[in-house]
Amino acid sequence: AIKALQDYLEEKGENKKESALLVAVLEKYFYTERPTIRNPKIYSGAMVDMAKNIDEISIRHVQKELAEHFDVSANSISRRSKQIWESYQDTVYSMLKEQKA
């Protein structure tokens, strides 16, 4: 999931700092939550989708495009994105502060 996320962001030419933040949040999510992963690409797409919630990040992609790229349903991406955002938005903002410091 992490490799697929990194590859996608690199392929799309996204900002390296912003991409690193999304990867770090996903790593923290996996380490803390230890989810049972059936399809890792859902998590990759969900992290990119979740970025739209973060004003400080310029990464923006349409769920349909993400679903096609990662070969998963847009609904799965949306559901997982919301779940991660609800649990990790504080983590995201504290990581952003660390990056600026």
Protein backbone atom coordinates (compact mmCIF):
# COMPACT_ATOMS: atom_id res chain seq x y z
CA ALA A 1 0.00 0.00 0.00
CA ILE A 2 2.81 2.39 0.92
CA LYS A 3 4.80 1.60 -2.22
CA ALA A 4 1.71 2.01 -4.43
CA LEU A 5 1.00 5.37 -2.75
CA GLN A 6 4.60 6.55 -3.26
CA ASP A 7 4.61 5.42 -6.88
CA TYR A 8 1.32 7.16 -7.65
CA LEU A 9 2.35 10.47 -6.08
CA GLU A 10 5.72 10.37 -7.84
CA GLU A 11 4.09 9.50 -11.16
CA LYS A 12 1.72 12.47 -10.79
CA GLY A 13 4.64 14.78 -9.91
CA GLU A 14 3.22 15.76 -6.53
CA ASN A 15 5.12 17.88 -4.01
CA LYS A 16 7.70 15.69 -2.24
CA LYS A 17 7.06 17.11 1.25
CA GLU A 18 3.32 16.70 0.89
CA SER A 19 3.75 13.19 -0.47
CA ALA A 20 6.05 12.29 2.42
CA LEU A 21 3.41 13.53 4.87
CA LEU A 22 0.74 11.27 3.36
CA VAL A 23 3.11 8.30 3.42
CA ALA A 24 4.02 9.02 7.07
CA VAL A 25 0.34 9.20 8.07
CA LEU A 26 -0.36 5.88 6.32
CA GLU A 27 2.63 4.26 8.04
CA LYS A 28 1.42 5.57 11.41
CA TYR A 29 -2.10 4.33 10.67
CA PHE A 30 -0.84 0.82 9.85
CA TYR A 31 1.43 0.74 12.90
CA THR A 32 -1.23 1.97 15.31
CA GLU A 33 -4.40 0.35 13.95
CA ARG A 34 -2.92 -2.86 12.51
CA PRO A 35 -5.87 -3.29 10.12
CA THR A 36 -6.59 -6.55 8.33
CA ILE A 37 -5.69 -5.57 4.79
CA ARG A 38 -7.56 -7.34 2.03
CA ASN A 39 -6.73 -4.89 -0.75
CA PRO A 40 -3.78 -2.59 -0.01
CA LYS A 41 -4.57 -0.32 -2.95
CA ILE A 42 -7.74 0.89 -1.20
CA TYR A 43 -5.50 2.43 1.46
CA SER A 44 -3.26 4.04 -1.18
CA GLY A 45 -6.23 5.64 -2.90
CA ALA A 46 -7.80 6.62 0.43
CA MET A 47 -4.69 8.56 1.49
CA VAL A 48 -4.67 10.55 -1.76
CA ASP A 49 -8.40 11.16 -1.40
CA MET A 50 -7.97 12.21 2.23
CA ALA A 51 -5.55 14.95 1.16
CA LYS A 52 -8.51 17.02 -0.08
CA ASN A 53 -9.41 17.60 3.60
CA ILE A 54 -6.08 19.30 4.29
CA ASP A 55 -5.98 22.93 3.16
CA GLU A 56 -2.18 23.07 3.53
CA ILE A 57 -1.75 20.34 0.92
CA SER A 58 -2.22 20.96 -2.80
CA ILE A 59 -2.74 17.29 -3.75
CA ARG A 60 -6.22 16.94 -5.27
CA HIS A 61 -7.53 13.99 -7.27
CA VAL A 62 -11.02 12.81 -8.17
CA GLN A 63 -12.21 9.59 -6.51
CA LYS A 64 -13.19 8.14 -9.88
CA GLU A 65 -9.67 8.70 -11.21
CA LEU A 66 -8.17 7.14 -8.08
CA ALA A 67 -10.50 4.16 -8.30
CA GLU A 68 -9.50 3.54 -11.91
CA HIS A 69 -5.79 3.92 -11.20
CA PHE A 70 -5.78 1.62 -8.17
CA ASP A 71 -8.40 -0.73 -9.67
CA VAL A 72 -10.74 -0.49 -6.68
CA SER A 73 -14.20 1.00 -6.18
CA ALA A 74 -14.59 4.73 -5.50
CA ASN A 75 -16.93 3.77 -2.66
CA SER A 76 -14.19 1.73 -0.96
CA ILE A 77 -11.76 4.65 -1.27
CA SER A 78 -14.33 7.08 0.11
CA ARG A 79 -15.22 4.89 3.08
CA ARG A 80 -11.59 4.22 4.07
CA SER A 81 -10.60 7.86 3.51
CA LYS A 82 -13.32 9.07 5.88
CA GLN A 83 -12.35 6.48 8.48
CA ILE A 84 -8.67 7.41 8.43
CA TRP A 85 -9.42 11.15 8.41
CA GLU A 86 -11.74 10.90 11.42
CA SER A 87 -9.09 9.06 13.43
CA TYR A 88 -5.96 10.83 12.19
CA GLN A 89 -6.72 14.48 11.44
CA ASP A 90 -5.01 15.56 14.69
CA THR A 91 -1.98 13.50 13.70
CA VAL A 92 -1.93 15.14 10.26
CA TYR A 93 -1.98 18.65 11.72
CA SER A 94 0.72 17.89 14.29
CA MET A 95 2.92 16.42 11.52
CA LEU A 96 2.33 19.56 9.43
CA LYS A 97 3.48 21.72 12.35
CA GLU A 98 6.62 19.59 12.71
CA GLN A 99 7.37 20.00 9.02
CA LYS A 100 7.13 23.79 9.27
CA ALA A 101 9.32 23.96 12.38
